[in-house]
Amino acid sequence: MLQLLPKSDILTPNTANPQETVDFIASYIEKYHCKTMSVDISYMNILDACYVTTMCSTKHFIKYPEGKINWIVSSETVDDFTKSLNLGNSIFSS
């Protein structure tokens, strides 16, 4: 099966609305084989980034329990905030 891949290795949602961002990333996870992926949400504020990473990491884990998502965020605070949730498939970088 042929699969169209994005031009870049980093997925960057085209909206700042957190729910639209979750929907965009979730549909990408459904459509494409992305066991390992990178997502840039560095333009989002800390609370929105925490929401998006939590929701999308959960969705990704359901499909790829051994997969990883590299989240590019604006602050290490996002990692600190979500650490207690034990999102084992999430790697944060700023």
Protein backbone atom coordinates (compact mmCIF):
# COMPACT_ATOMS: atom_id res chain seq x y z
CA MET A 1 0.00 0.00 0.00
CA LEU A 2 1.34 3.43 -0.92
CA GLN A 3 1.22 6.16 1.66
CA LEU A 4 1.62 9.89 1.23
CA LEU A 5 4.00 11.32 3.79
CA PRO A 6 4.38 14.94 4.84
CA LYS A 7 7.18 16.98 3.25
CA SER A 8 8.85 17.38 6.64
CA ASP A 9 9.61 14.82 9.33
CA ILE A 10 7.95 17.14 11.84
CA LEU A 11 4.17 17.43 11.92
CA THR A 12 3.02 21.00 12.60
CA PRO A 13 -0.73 21.51 13.04
CA ASN A 14 -2.07 24.56 11.22
CA THR A 15 -4.26 25.83 14.06
CA ALA A 16 -3.76 27.29 17.53
CA ASN A 17 -7.13 26.02 18.76
CA PRO A 18 -6.33 23.10 21.09
CA GLN A 19 -9.36 20.97 20.14
CA GLU A 20 -8.73 21.44 16.42
CA THR A 21 -5.08 20.53 17.02
CA VAL A 22 -6.10 17.33 18.82
CA ASP A 23 -8.48 16.46 15.97
CA PHE A 24 -5.77 17.14 13.36
CA ILE A 25 -3.14 15.00 15.08
CA ALA A 26 -5.63 12.23 15.89
CA SER A 27 -6.72 11.99 12.24
CA TYR A 28 -3.07 11.90 11.18
CA ILE A 29 -2.43 9.01 13.59
CA GLU A 30 -5.45 7.17 12.15
CA LYS A 31 -4.50 7.70 8.50
CA TYR A 32 -0.75 7.10 8.51
CA HIS A 33 1.72 4.61 9.88
CA CYS A 34 3.50 6.74 12.45
CA LYS A 35 4.91 4.50 15.15
CA THR A 36 7.53 7.19 15.76
CA MET A 37 6.65 10.79 15.03
CA SER A 38 7.60 14.37 15.88
CA VAL A 39 5.04 17.11 16.48
CA ASP A 40 5.81 20.82 16.82
CA ILE A 41 3.38 22.65 19.11
CA SER A 42 5.91 25.18 20.37
CA TYR A 43 3.54 28.01 19.40
CA MET A 44 0.95 26.91 22.00
CA ASN A 45 0.69 28.14 25.58
CA ILE A 46 1.53 25.73 28.39
CA LEU A 47 -2.03 24.69 29.30
CA ASP A 48 -3.07 24.06 25.71
CA ALA A 49 0.15 22.13 25.06
CA CYS A 50 -0.49 19.94 28.12
CA TYR A 51 -4.00 19.19 26.89
CA VAL A 52 -2.87 18.37 23.35
CA THR A 53 0.05 16.17 24.44
CA THR A 54 -2.09 14.23 26.90
CA MET A 55 -4.94 13.56 24.49
CA CYS A 56 -2.78 12.75 21.47
CA SER A 57 -0.24 10.65 23.37
CA THR A 58 -3.13 8.53 24.65
CA LYS A 59 -4.54 8.13 21.13
CA HIS A 60 -1.10 7.23 19.78
CA PHE A 61 -0.49 4.71 22.59
CA ILE A 62 -3.74 2.91 21.80
CA LYS A 63 -2.60 2.33 18.20
CA TYR A 64 1.15 1.94 18.86
CA PRO A 65 1.87 0.74 22.44
CA GLU A 66 5.60 0.57 21.63
CA GLY A 67 5.65 3.88 19.69
CA LYS A 68 7.08 7.28 20.60
CA ILE A 69 6.10 10.90 19.99
CA ASN A 70 8.71 13.63 20.17
CA TRP A 71 6.85 16.77 21.26
CA ILE A 72 8.51 20.08 20.46
CA VAL A 73 7.13 22.48 23.05
CA SER A 74 7.91 26.02 24.19
CA SER A 75 8.76 25.12 27.79
CA GLU A 76 10.01 22.21 29.88
CA THR A 77 7.07 22.96 32.18
CA VAL A 78 4.86 20.88 29.87
CA ASP A 79 6.98 17.81 30.66
CA ASP A 80 6.89 18.60 34.38
CA PHE A 81 3.13 19.09 34.31
CA THR A 82 2.39 15.82 32.46
CA LYS A 83 5.07 13.70 34.20
CA SER A 84 2.63 12.43 36.83
CA LEU A 85 0.38 11.11 34.05
CA ASN A 86 3.15 8.69 33.05
CA LEU A 87 2.87 9.22 29.29
CA GLY A 88 5.55 6.67 28.49
CA ASN A 89 5.40 7.27 24.76
CA SER A 90 6.11 11.02 25.02
CA ILE A 91 9.49 12.71 24.72
CA PHE A 92 9.59 16.47 25.26
CA SER A 93 12.09 18.92 23.83
CA SER A 94 12.06 22.68 23.70
